[in-house]
Amino acid sequence: MKPQDLRHLCYIHMEVLKDELDKIKTKIEPGHVVYTLIAEHDKILEFLTQLEEVNSKIQKAEKYINSLEEIKELKTIIFNILDAENHHQREEKVLFTVMESIEITGPTRIMRMEHEDIKAKKEFLKVAAEEASELNFNEFKEKVDEIAKYIIFNMRDHIFKENYILYPTAIESIQGKDIWDDMKRRCDEIGYCGFTPEDNK
């Protein structure tokens, strides 16, 4: 598959392939580098659903004063999705690096580009939430709607590609318990996210 063909896969594929992800997880155990990344993806997908819901509420609000609770909730969700930085660092500096050392480079290159793109959008959303006021409420609503929808679509798409293309490729291609053990040690050094399940660290 060409790297450009990995883009814009539909969210519905996640539902169709849910059982496939379970099969992948049976090949590895909690604490395995990939198992942890998948568990973190589950949490990130929950945050995206929350973002979808809070954006819908903000769009229905007529006045700034009526949406203070939703803006507060939006800030919490943004904090959580920005907290995924260590997740991306472990992917890029450990998993991707090992895959690239065995000449699997196309998918990892696309994933790195998407990390940068999505991170910038998350930062834009954070600024929009912090600058919300009565004076610019309609502009704020437009910005939030546009950026939130972009993040939701592209992060779901990104997670799909990692869960169903990149991670299975890694599990099949990276051979040797000693290599995975060293990868786990390097992941531990980078650290985890505030939302990483304790039993998966």
N, C-alpha and C. Protein backbone atom coordinates (compact mmCIF):
# COMPACT_ATOMS: atom_id res chain seq x y z
N MET A 1 0.84 -1.20 0.00
CA MET A 1 0.00 0.00 0.00
C MET A 1 0.88 1.25 0.00
N LYS A 2 0.59 2.19 -0.88
CA LYS A 2 1.36 3.43 -0.94
C LYS A 2 1.04 4.29 0.28
N PRO A 3 2.05 5.04 0.79
CA PRO A 3 1.80 5.89 1.97
C PRO A 3 0.60 6.81 1.80
N GLN A 4 0.44 7.41 0.61
CA GLN A 4 -0.68 8.35 0.42
C GLN A 4 -2.04 7.65 0.50
N ASP A 5 -2.05 6.32 0.25
CA ASP A 5 -3.30 5.57 0.32
C ASP A 5 -3.74 5.30 1.76
N LEU A 6 -2.84 5.57 2.70
CA LEU A 6 -3.17 5.35 4.11
C LEU A 6 -3.99 6.49 4.68
N ARG A 7 -4.13 7.56 3.95
CA ARG A 7 -4.84 8.73 4.46
C ARG A 7 -6.35 8.62 4.24
N HIS A 8 -7.08 9.28 5.13
CA HIS A 8 -8.54 9.45 5.00
C HIS A 8 -9.33 8.14 4.92
N LEU A 9 -8.93 7.16 5.71
CA LEU A 9 -9.74 5.96 5.82
C LEU A 9 -10.92 6.26 6.75
N CYS A 10 -12.03 5.67 6.46
CA CYS A 10 -13.28 6.03 7.15
C CYS A 10 -13.35 5.50 8.58
N TYR A 11 -13.94 6.32 9.46
CA TYR A 11 -14.10 5.95 10.87
C TYR A 11 -14.90 4.66 11.03
N ILE A 12 -15.84 4.41 10.13
CA ILE A 12 -16.69 3.21 10.23
C ILE A 12 -15.85 1.94 10.19
N HIS A 13 -14.67 2.00 9.56
CA HIS A 13 -13.79 0.83 9.51
C HIS A 13 -13.40 0.37 10.92
N MET A 14 -13.32 1.32 11.86
CA MET A 14 -12.98 0.94 13.24
C MET A 14 -14.00 -0.01 13.81
N GLU A 15 -15.27 0.26 13.54
CA GLU A 15 -16.35 -0.59 14.04
C GLU A 15 -16.30 -1.96 13.37
N VAL A 16 -16.10 -1.96 12.07
CA VAL A 16 -16.07 -3.21 11.29
C VAL A 16 -14.92 -4.10 11.75
N LEU A 17 -13.78 -3.48 12.07
CA LEU A 17 -12.56 -4.24 12.39
C LEU A 17 -12.28 -4.38 13.89
N LYS A 18 -13.26 -4.08 14.72
CA LYS A 18 -13.05 -4.16 16.17
C LYS A 18 -12.52 -5.53 16.60
N ASP A 19 -13.08 -6.60 16.03
CA ASP A 19 -12.66 -7.96 16.38
C ASP A 19 -11.21 -8.20 15.98
N GLU A 20 -10.79 -7.56 14.88
CA GLU A 20 -9.41 -7.72 14.42
C GLU A 20 -8.44 -7.17 15.46
N LEU A 21 -8.82 -6.06 16.09
CA LEU A 21 -7.96 -5.47 17.12
C LEU A 21 -7.84 -6.41 18.32
N ASP A 22 -8.93 -7.06 18.67
CA ASP A 22 -8.90 -8.03 19.76
C ASP A 22 -7.95 -9.18 19.44
N LYS A 23 -7.94 -9.60 18.17
CA LYS A 23 -7.02 -10.68 17.75
C LYS A 23 -5.56 -10.25 17.90
N ILE A 24 -5.29 -8.99 17.54
CA ILE A 24 -3.93 -8.46 17.67
C ILE A 24 -3.51 -8.52 19.14
N LYS A 25 -4.43 -8.13 20.02
CA LYS A 25 -4.11 -8.07 21.46
C LYS A 25 -3.88 -9.45 22.07
N THR A 26 -4.46 -10.51 21.45
CA THR A 26 -4.23 -11.87 21.98
C THR A 26 -2.80 -12.34 21.73
N LYS A 27 -2.12 -11.70 20.79
CA LYS A 27 -0.73 -12.08 20.48
C LYS A 27 0.28 -11.46 21.44
N ILE A 28 -0.17 -10.47 22.21
CA ILE A 28 0.72 -9.76 23.13
C ILE A 28 0.05 -9.66 24.51
N GLU A 29 0.78 -9.16 25.49
CA GLU A 29 0.25 -9.09 26.86
C GLU A 29 0.24 -7.66 27.36
N PRO A 30 -0.59 -7.38 28.40
CA PRO A 30 -0.53 -6.04 29.01
C PRO A 30 0.90 -5.72 29.43
N GLY A 31 1.31 -4.48 29.17
CA GLY A 31 2.69 -4.08 29.45
C GLY A 31 3.56 -4.12 28.21
N HIS A 32 3.16 -4.90 27.20
CA HIS A 32 3.88 -4.91 25.92
C HIS A 32 3.77 -3.51 25.30
N VAL A 33 4.81 -3.09 24.63
CA VAL A 33 4.87 -1.75 24.02
C VAL A 33 3.60 -1.45 23.21
N VAL A 34 3.21 -2.35 22.34
CA VAL A 34 2.06 -2.13 21.46
C VAL A 34 0.75 -2.21 22.23
N TYR A 35 0.66 -3.11 23.18
CA TYR A 35 -0.57 -3.24 24.00
C TYR A 35 -0.86 -1.92 24.71
N THR A 36 0.19 -1.30 25.25
CA THR A 36 0.05 -0.02 25.94
C THR A 36 -0.41 1.07 24.97
N LEU A 37 0.17 1.11 23.79
CA LEU A 37 -0.21 2.11 22.78
C LEU A 37 -1.68 1.95 22.39
N ILE A 38 -2.14 0.71 22.25
CA ILE A 38 -3.55 0.46 21.90
C ILE A 38 -4.46 0.90 23.05
N ALA A 39 -4.06 0.60 24.29
CA ALA A 39 -4.86 1.01 25.46
C ALA A 39 -4.97 2.53 25.53
N GLU A 40 -3.89 3.22 25.20
CA GLU A 40 -3.92 4.69 25.18
C GLU A 40 -4.82 5.20 24.06
N HIS A 41 -4.80 4.52 22.93
CA HIS A 41 -5.71 4.89 21.83
C HIS A 41 -7.16 4.80 22.28
N ASP A 42 -7.49 3.77 23.06
CA ASP A 42 -8.87 3.61 23.55
C ASP A 42 -9.28 4.84 24.36
N LYS A 43 -8.36 5.34 25.20
CA LYS A 43 -8.66 6.53 26.01
C LYS A 43 -8.79 7.77 25.12
N ILE A 44 -7.90 7.92 24.14
CA ILE A 44 -7.94 9.08 23.25
C ILE A 44 -9.26 9.08 22.46
N LEU A 45 -9.71 7.91 22.04
CA LEU A 45 -11.00 7.82 21.32
C LEU A 45 -12.15 8.27 22.22
N GLU A 46 -12.06 7.98 23.52
CA GLU A 46 -13.07 8.46 24.48
C GLU A 46 -13.05 9.98 24.55
N PHE A 47 -11.84 10.56 24.57
CA PHE A 47 -11.72 12.03 24.61
C PHE A 47 -12.32 12.66 23.36
N LEU A 48 -12.14 12.00 22.21
CA LEU A 48 -12.68 12.53 20.95
C LEU A 48 -14.21 12.51 20.96
N THR A 49 -14.78 11.48 21.56
CA THR A 49 -16.25 11.42 21.70
C THR A 49 -16.73 12.55 22.60
N GLN A 50 -15.99 12.79 23.70
CA GLN A 50 -16.33 13.90 24.61
C GLN A 50 -16.23 15.24 23.88
N LEU A 51 -15.19 15.39 23.05
CA LEU A 51 -15.00 16.63 22.29
C LEU A 51 -16.16 16.84 21.32
N GLU A 52 -16.59 15.78 20.70
CA GLU A 52 -17.73 15.84 19.77
C GLU A 52 -18.98 16.32 20.50
N GLU A 53 -19.20 15.76 21.69
CA GLU A 53 -20.40 16.10 22.48
C GLU A 53 -20.36 17.54 22.98
N VAL A 54 -19.20 17.96 23.50
CA VAL A 54 -19.12 19.32 24.05
C VAL A 54 -19.19 20.36 22.93
N ASN A 55 -18.62 20.05 21.78
CA ASN A 55 -18.71 20.97 20.64
C ASN A 55 -20.17 21.15 20.22
N SER A 56 -20.91 20.05 20.20
CA SER A 56 -22.33 20.12 19.84
C SER A 56 -23.10 21.04 20.80
N LYS A 57 -22.78 20.95 22.08
CA LYS A 57 -23.44 21.80 23.09
C LYS A 57 -23.06 23.27 22.90
N ILE A 58 -21.78 23.52 22.63
CA ILE A 58 -21.31 24.90 22.43
C ILE A 58 -21.99 25.52 21.20
N GLN A 59 -22.13 24.73 20.13
CA GLN A 59 -22.75 25.25 18.91
C GLN A 59 -24.22 25.64 19.13
N LYS A 60 -24.88 24.97 20.08
CA LYS A 60 -26.30 25.25 20.36
C LYS A 60 -26.48 26.44 21.31
N ALA A 61 -25.39 26.83 22.00
CA ALA A 61 -25.50 27.92 22.97
C ALA A 61 -25.69 29.26 22.26
N GLU A 62 -26.58 30.09 22.80
CA GLU A 62 -26.88 31.40 22.20
C GLU A 62 -25.93 32.47 22.72
N LYS A 63 -25.53 32.31 23.98
CA LYS A 63 -24.68 33.32 24.61
C LYS A 63 -23.51 32.69 25.34
N TYR A 64 -22.46 33.48 25.46
CA TYR A 64 -21.24 33.06 26.17
C TYR A 64 -21.56 32.64 27.59
N ILE A 65 -22.37 33.42 28.28
CA ILE A 65 -22.70 33.17 29.69
C ILE A 65 -23.37 31.81 29.88
N ASN A 66 -24.06 31.33 28.84
CA ASN A 66 -24.75 30.04 28.92
C ASN A 66 -23.85 28.85 28.62
N SER A 67 -22.62 29.13 28.21
CA SER A 67 -21.74 28.02 27.81
C SER A 67 -20.48 27.91 28.67
N LEU A 68 -20.47 28.59 29.82
CA LEU A 68 -19.27 28.59 30.67
C LEU A 68 -18.88 27.17 31.11
N GLU A 69 -19.87 26.36 31.46
CA GLU A 69 -19.60 24.98 31.89
C GLU A 69 -19.01 24.16 30.75
N GLU A 70 -19.54 24.38 29.55
CA GLU A 70 -19.05 23.64 28.38
C GLU A 70 -17.62 24.07 28.00
N ILE A 71 -17.33 25.38 28.15
CA ILE A 71 -15.98 25.86 27.85
C ILE A 71 -14.97 25.29 28.85
N LYS A 72 -15.39 25.19 30.10
CA LYS A 72 -14.54 24.57 31.13
C LYS A 72 -14.28 23.09 30.78
N GLU A 73 -15.33 22.41 30.36
CA GLU A 73 -15.21 21.00 29.96
C GLU A 73 -14.30 20.87 28.73
N LEU A 74 -14.45 21.80 27.79
CA LEU A 74 -13.62 21.81 26.59
C LEU A 74 -12.13 21.92 26.96
N LYS A 75 -11.82 22.79 27.91
CA LYS A 75 -10.42 22.97 28.35
C LYS A 75 -9.86 21.69 28.95
N THR A 76 -10.69 20.96 29.70
CA THR A 76 -10.25 19.69 30.30
C THR A 76 -9.96 18.66 29.22
N ILE A 77 -10.83 18.60 28.22
CA ILE A 77 -10.64 17.64 27.11
C ILE A 77 -9.37 17.99 26.33
N ILE A 78 -9.15 19.28 26.08
CA ILE A 78 -7.94 19.71 25.36
C ILE A 78 -6.70 19.32 26.15
N PHE A 79 -6.74 19.52 27.47
CA PHE A 79 -5.62 19.13 28.33
C PHE A 79 -5.33 17.64 28.16
N ASN A 80 -6.39 16.83 28.14
CA ASN A 80 -6.21 15.38 28.02
C ASN A 80 -5.64 14.97 26.68
N ILE A 81 -6.13 15.58 25.59
CA ILE A 81 -5.59 15.17 24.28
C ILE A 81 -4.18 15.71 24.05
N LEU A 82 -3.84 16.83 24.68
CA LEU A 82 -2.47 17.34 24.59
C LEU A 82 -1.51 16.48 25.44
N ASP A 83 -2.08 15.80 26.44
CA ASP A 83 -1.29 14.93 27.32
C ASP A 83 -0.82 13.66 26.60
N ALA A 84 -1.21 13.51 25.33
CA ALA A 84 -0.80 12.34 24.56
C ALA A 84 0.62 12.46 24.02
N GLU A 85 1.33 13.53 24.37
CA GLU A 85 2.66 13.78 23.79
C GLU A 85 3.63 12.61 24.03
N ASN A 86 3.65 12.05 25.25
CA ASN A 86 4.56 10.93 25.52
C ASN A 86 4.18 9.68 24.71
N HIS A 87 2.91 9.54 24.41
CA HIS A 87 2.45 8.45 23.54
C HIS A 87 3.12 8.59 22.16
N HIS A 88 3.07 9.80 21.61
CA HIS A 88 3.67 10.04 20.29
C HIS A 88 5.19 9.90 20.33
N GLN A 89 5.79 10.35 21.43
CA GLN A 89 7.25 10.24 21.56
C GLN A 89 7.69 8.78 21.60
N ARG A 90 6.94 7.94 22.32
CA ARG A 90 7.28 6.51 22.37
C ARG A 90 7.12 5.86 21.00
N GLU A 91 6.09 6.28 20.27
CA GLU A 91 5.92 5.76 18.91
C GLU A 91 7.10 6.18 18.03
N GLU A 92 7.39 7.48 18.02
CA GLU A 92 8.39 8.00 17.09
C GLU A 92 9.81 7.57 17.45
N LYS A 93 10.17 7.68 18.73
CA LYS A 93 11.56 7.44 19.13
C LYS A 93 11.88 5.97 19.37
N VAL A 94 10.84 5.16 19.56
CA VAL A 94 11.08 3.74 19.83
C VAL A 94 10.52 2.87 18.70
N LEU A 95 9.18 2.79 18.60
CA LEU A 95 8.56 1.88 17.64
C LEU A 95 8.92 2.22 16.20
N PHE A 96 8.73 3.49 15.82
CA PHE A 96 9.00 3.88 14.43
C PHE A 96 10.47 3.71 14.08
N THR A 97 11.33 4.06 15.03
CA THR A 97 12.78 3.97 14.79
C THR A 97 13.19 2.54 14.50
N VAL A 98 12.65 1.58 15.27
CA VAL A 98 12.98 0.17 15.06
C VAL A 98 12.41 -0.29 13.71
N MET A 99 11.19 0.11 13.41
CA MET A 99 10.59 -0.27 12.12
C MET A 99 11.41 0.28 10.95
N GLU A 100 11.86 1.52 11.09
CA GLU A 100 12.66 2.13 10.02
C GLU A 100 14.01 1.45 9.87
N SER A 101 14.53 0.89 10.97
CA SER A 101 15.82 0.18 10.92
C SER A 101 15.71 -1.11 10.11
N ILE A 102 14.47 -1.63 9.97
CA ILE A 102 14.27 -2.81 9.12
C ILE A 102 13.55 -2.43 7.82
N GLU A 103 13.70 -1.16 7.48
CA GLU A 103 13.27 -0.61 6.18
C GLU A 103 11.76 -0.57 5.98
N ILE A 104 11.01 -0.39 7.07
CA ILE A 104 9.57 -0.09 6.96
C ILE A 104 9.47 1.41 7.22
N THR A 105 9.44 2.20 6.14
CA THR A 105 9.56 3.65 6.29
C THR A 105 8.36 4.46 5.83
N GLY A 106 7.60 3.95 4.86
CA GLY A 106 6.47 4.71 4.31
C GLY A 106 5.42 5.06 5.34
N PRO A 107 4.84 4.06 6.01
CA PRO A 107 3.81 4.34 7.01
C PRO A 107 4.30 5.22 8.16
N THR A 108 5.53 4.99 8.62
CA THR A 108 6.04 5.78 9.75
C THR A 108 6.23 7.24 9.36
N ARG A 109 6.63 7.47 8.12
CA ARG A 109 6.81 8.85 7.65
C ARG A 109 5.47 9.59 7.68
N ILE A 110 4.42 8.93 7.19
CA ILE A 110 3.08 9.53 7.19
C ILE A 110 2.61 9.79 8.62
N MET A 111 2.84 8.84 9.51
CA MET A 111 2.40 8.99 10.91
C MET A 111 3.10 10.17 11.59
N ARG A 112 4.39 10.34 11.33
CA ARG A 112 5.14 11.48 11.90
C ARG A 112 4.54 12.80 11.42
N MET A 113 4.25 12.89 10.13
CA MET A 113 3.67 14.11 9.55
C MET A 113 2.32 14.40 10.20
N GLU A 114 1.53 13.36 10.39
CA GLU A 114 0.20 13.54 10.99
C GLU A 114 0.30 13.96 12.45
N HIS A 115 1.29 13.43 13.18
CA HIS A 115 1.50 13.85 14.57
C HIS A 115 1.71 15.37 14.64
N GLU A 116 2.56 15.88 13.76
CA GLU A 116 2.86 17.31 13.74
C GLU A 116 1.62 18.14 13.40
N ASP A 117 0.92 17.70 12.39
CA ASP A 117 -0.28 18.40 11.92
C ASP A 117 -1.35 18.46 13.02
N ILE A 118 -1.63 17.30 13.63
CA ILE A 118 -2.68 17.24 14.65
C ILE A 118 -2.27 18.00 15.91
N LYS A 119 -0.99 17.93 16.27
CA LYS A 119 -0.52 18.66 17.45
C LYS A 119 -0.76 20.16 17.29
N ALA A 120 -0.48 20.68 16.10
CA ALA A 120 -0.69 22.12 15.83
C ALA A 120 -2.16 22.48 15.99
N LYS A 121 -3.05 21.62 15.50
CA LYS A 121 -4.49 21.88 15.61
C LYS A 121 -4.95 21.83 17.07
N LYS A 122 -4.39 20.92 17.86
CA LYS A 122 -4.72 20.85 19.29
C LYS A 122 -4.33 22.16 19.98
N GLU A 123 -3.16 22.68 19.62
CA GLU A 123 -2.69 23.94 20.21
C GLU A 123 -3.62 25.10 19.82
N PHE A 124 -4.07 25.11 18.56
CA PHE A 124 -5.02 26.15 18.10
C PHE A 124 -6.31 26.09 18.92
N LEU A 125 -6.78 24.87 19.18
CA LEU A 125 -8.02 24.70 19.94
C LEU A 125 -7.85 25.18 21.37
N LYS A 126 -6.69 24.92 21.93
CA LYS A 126 -6.39 25.38 23.29
C LYS A 126 -6.44 26.91 23.36
N VAL A 127 -5.82 27.57 22.40
CA VAL A 127 -5.81 29.04 22.35
C VAL A 127 -7.24 29.58 22.19
N ALA A 128 -8.01 28.95 21.31
CA ALA A 128 -9.40 29.38 21.08
C ALA A 128 -10.21 29.30 22.37
N ALA A 129 -10.04 28.22 23.12
CA ALA A 129 -10.78 28.03 24.38
C ALA A 129 -10.36 29.07 25.42
N GLU A 130 -9.06 29.37 25.46
CA GLU A 130 -8.55 30.33 26.45
C GLU A 130 -8.99 31.76 26.13
N GLU A 131 -9.20 32.05 24.85
CA GLU A 131 -9.55 33.42 24.44
C GLU A 131 -11.06 33.66 24.32
N ALA A 132 -11.85 32.64 24.65
CA ALA A 132 -13.32 32.77 24.54
C ALA A 132 -13.82 33.88 25.45
N SER A 133 -14.73 34.70 24.93
CA SER A 133 -15.33 35.78 25.72
C SER A 133 -16.69 36.16 25.13
N GLU A 134 -17.40 37.00 25.83
CA GLU A 134 -18.71 37.50 25.35
C GLU A 134 -18.54 38.24 24.02
N LEU A 135 -17.43 38.98 23.91
CA LEU A 135 -17.20 39.82 22.73
C LEU A 135 -17.00 39.03 21.45
N ASN A 136 -16.32 37.88 21.55
CA ASN A 136 -15.99 37.12 20.33
C ASN A 136 -16.69 35.77 20.31
N PHE A 137 -17.85 35.65 20.96
CA PHE A 137 -18.47 34.33 21.15
C PHE A 137 -18.81 33.64 19.82
N ASN A 138 -19.36 34.37 18.87
CA ASN A 138 -19.70 33.74 17.58
C ASN A 138 -18.47 33.28 16.82
N GLU A 139 -17.43 34.11 16.87
CA GLU A 139 -16.16 33.74 16.24
C GLU A 139 -15.56 32.52 16.93
N PHE A 140 -15.65 32.50 18.26
CA PHE A 140 -15.16 31.37 19.06
C PHE A 140 -15.89 30.08 18.65
N LYS A 141 -17.21 30.16 18.53
CA LYS A 141 -18.00 28.99 18.14
C LYS A 141 -17.56 28.45 16.77
N GLU A 142 -17.35 29.34 15.83
CA GLU A 142 -16.93 28.94 14.49
C GLU A 142 -15.57 28.24 14.52
N LYS A 143 -14.63 28.86 15.26
CA LYS A 143 -13.29 28.29 15.37
C LYS A 143 -13.32 26.91 16.01
N VAL A 144 -14.04 26.80 17.12
CA VAL A 144 -14.12 25.52 17.84
C VAL A 144 -14.74 24.45 16.95
N ASP A 145 -15.81 24.80 16.25
CA ASP A 145 -16.48 23.84 15.39
C ASP A 145 -15.54 23.32 14.30
N GLU A 146 -14.86 24.25 13.65
CA GLU A 146 -13.95 23.88 12.56
C GLU A 146 -12.78 23.03 13.06
N ILE A 147 -12.11 23.50 14.12
CA ILE A 147 -10.91 22.80 14.61
C ILE A 147 -11.27 21.47 15.27
N ALA A 148 -12.34 21.46 16.07
CA ALA A 148 -12.74 20.22 16.76
C ALA A 148 -13.08 19.14 15.74
N LYS A 149 -13.84 19.50 14.71
CA LYS A 149 -14.22 18.51 13.69
C LYS A 149 -12.99 17.99 12.95
N TYR A 150 -12.04 18.87 12.69
CA TYR A 150 -10.79 18.47 12.02
C TYR A 150 -10.03 17.47 12.90
N ILE A 151 -9.88 17.81 14.19
CA ILE A 151 -9.15 16.94 15.12
C ILE A 151 -9.84 15.59 15.24
N ILE A 152 -11.15 15.60 15.43
CA ILE A 152 -11.91 14.36 15.62
C ILE A 152 -11.75 13.44 14.41
N PHE A 153 -11.99 13.98 13.22
CA PHE A 153 -11.89 13.15 12.01
C PHE A 153 -10.47 12.62 11.82
N ASN A 154 -9.48 13.52 11.91
CA ASN A 154 -8.11 13.13 11.59
C ASN A 154 -7.46 12.25 12.66
N MET A 155 -7.82 12.46 13.92
CA MET A 155 -7.26 11.59 14.96
C MET A 155 -7.87 10.20 14.89
N ARG A 156 -9.17 10.11 14.61
CA ARG A 156 -9.79 8.78 14.46
C ARG A 156 -9.16 8.04 13.27
N ASP A 157 -8.98 8.77 12.20
CA ASP A 157 -8.36 8.22 10.99
C ASP A 157 -6.93 7.75 11.29
N HIS A 158 -6.20 8.58 12.01
CA HIS A 158 -4.81 8.29 12.38
C HIS A 158 -4.73 7.04 13.26
N ILE A 159 -5.60 6.97 14.26
CA ILE A 159 -5.62 5.83 15.19
C ILE A 159 -5.99 4.55 14.44
N PHE A 160 -6.93 4.65 13.52
CA PHE A 160 -7.30 3.49 12.72
C PHE A 160 -6.07 2.93 11.99
N LYS A 161 -5.33 3.81 11.35
CA LYS A 161 -4.17 3.37 10.57
C LYS A 161 -3.09 2.76 11.45
N GLU A 162 -2.90 3.32 12.64
CA GLU A 162 -1.89 2.75 13.54
C GLU A 162 -2.37 1.40 14.09
N ASN A 163 -3.62 1.35 14.55
CA ASN A 163 -4.14 0.11 15.15
C ASN A 163 -4.19 -1.05 14.16
N TYR A 164 -4.61 -0.78 12.92
CA TYR A 164 -4.91 -1.86 11.98
C TYR A 164 -3.88 -2.06 10.88
N ILE A 165 -2.95 -1.12 10.73
CA ILE A 165 -1.92 -1.27 9.70
C ILE A 165 -0.52 -1.26 10.33
N LEU A 166 -0.22 -0.18 11.07
CA LEU A 166 1.14 -0.01 11.58
C LEU A 166 1.48 -1.02 12.69
N TYR A 167 0.63 -1.12 13.71
CA TYR A 167 0.94 -2.01 14.84
C TYR A 167 1.00 -3.48 14.44
N PRO A 168 0.03 -3.98 13.64
CA PRO A 168 0.16 -5.38 13.21
C PRO A 168 1.44 -5.63 12.41
N THR A 169 1.81 -4.65 11.58
CA THR A 169 3.06 -4.77 10.81
C THR A 169 4.25 -4.86 11.75
N ALA A 170 4.24 -4.04 12.81
CA ALA A 170 5.34 -4.05 13.79
C ALA A 170 5.43 -5.40 14.49
N ILE A 171 4.27 -5.91 14.93
CA ILE A 171 4.25 -7.19 15.66
C ILE A 171 4.77 -8.33 14.79
N GLU A 172 4.40 -8.32 13.50
CA GLU A 172 4.85 -9.37 12.58
C GLU A 172 6.31 -9.22 12.18
N SER A 173 6.78 -7.97 12.10
CA SER A 173 8.10 -7.71 11.50
C SER A 173 9.24 -7.65 12.51
N ILE A 174 8.95 -7.18 13.73
CA ILE A 174 10.03 -7.04 14.73
C ILE A 174 10.12 -8.35 15.50
N GLN A 175 11.16 -9.10 15.22
CA GLN A 175 11.34 -10.43 15.79
C GLN A 175 12.36 -10.40 16.94
N GLY A 176 12.05 -11.15 17.99
CA GLY A 176 13.01 -11.29 19.09
C GLY A 176 12.55 -10.61 20.36
N LYS A 177 12.40 -11.42 21.42
CA LYS A 177 11.94 -10.88 22.71
C LYS A 177 12.91 -9.84 23.25
N ASP A 178 14.21 -10.05 23.00
CA ASP A 178 15.22 -9.11 23.51
C ASP A 178 15.03 -7.72 22.89
N ILE A 179 14.63 -7.66 21.62
CA ILE A 179 14.40 -6.36 20.95
C ILE A 179 13.20 -5.67 21.60
N TRP A 180 12.10 -6.41 21.81
CA TRP A 180 10.91 -5.84 22.43
C TRP A 180 11.18 -5.42 23.87
N ASP A 181 12.00 -6.21 24.59
CA ASP A 181 12.35 -5.86 25.98
C ASP A 181 13.13 -4.54 26.03
N ASP A 182 14.05 -4.38 25.07
CA ASP A 182 14.83 -3.13 25.00
C ASP A 182 13.92 -1.96 24.63
N MET A 183 12.96 -2.20 23.74
CA MET A 183 12.00 -1.16 23.37
C MET A 183 11.17 -0.75 24.58
N LYS A 184 10.77 -1.73 25.38
CA LYS A 184 9.98 -1.44 26.59
C LYS A 184 10.80 -0.58 27.55
N ARG A 185 12.08 -0.91 27.71
CA ARG A 185 12.96 -0.13 28.60
C ARG A 185 13.05 1.32 28.13
N ARG A 186 13.20 1.51 26.82
CA ARG A 186 13.28 2.86 26.26
C ARG A 186 11.96 3.62 26.41
N CYS A 187 10.85 2.90 26.28
CA CYS A 187 9.53 3.52 26.48
C CYS A 187 9.38 3.98 27.93
N ASP A 188 9.83 3.16 28.86
CA ASP A 188 9.76 3.50 30.29
C ASP A 188 10.56 4.77 30.57
N GLU A 189 11.69 4.92 29.89
CA GLU A 189 12.53 6.11 30.07
C GLU A 189 11.82 7.38 29.58
N ILE A 190 11.10 7.27 28.47
CA ILE A 190 10.35 8.42 27.94
C ILE A 190 9.22 8.79 28.87
N GLY A 191 8.52 7.75 29.38
CA GLY A 191 7.41 7.98 30.31
C GLY A 191 6.05 7.82 29.63
N TYR A 192 5.00 7.92 30.45
CA TYR A 192 3.65 7.63 29.97
C TYR A 192 2.74 8.85 30.11
N CYS A 193 1.50 8.68 29.72
CA CYS A 193 0.53 9.77 29.78
C CYS A 193 -0.25 9.72 31.10
N GLY A 194 -0.84 10.83 31.47
CA GLY A 194 -1.65 10.85 32.68
C GLY A 194 -2.82 9.88 32.61
N PHE A 195 -3.26 9.57 31.39
CA PHE A 195 -4.42 8.69 31.20
C PHE A 195 -4.04 7.24 30.87
N THR A 196 -2.72 6.92 30.85
CA THR A 196 -2.31 5.54 30.56
C THR A 196 -2.80 4.62 31.67
N PRO A 197 -3.56 3.56 31.35
CA PRO A 197 -4.01 2.64 32.40
C PRO A 197 -2.81 2.05 33.17
N GLU A 198 -2.91 2.04 34.48
CA GLU A 198 -1.79 1.60 35.35
C GLU A 198 -1.29 0.20 35.00
N ASP A 199 -2.21 -0.72 34.69
CA ASP A 199 -1.80 -2.09 34.44
C ASP A 199 -1.19 -2.28 33.05
N ASN A 200 -1.09 -1.19 32.28
CA ASN A 200 -0.49 -1.27 30.95
C ASN A 200 0.86 -0.58 30.86
N LYS A 201 1.35 -0.05 31.97
CA LYS A 201 2.64 0.64 31.93
C LYS A 201 3.78 -0.37 32.02
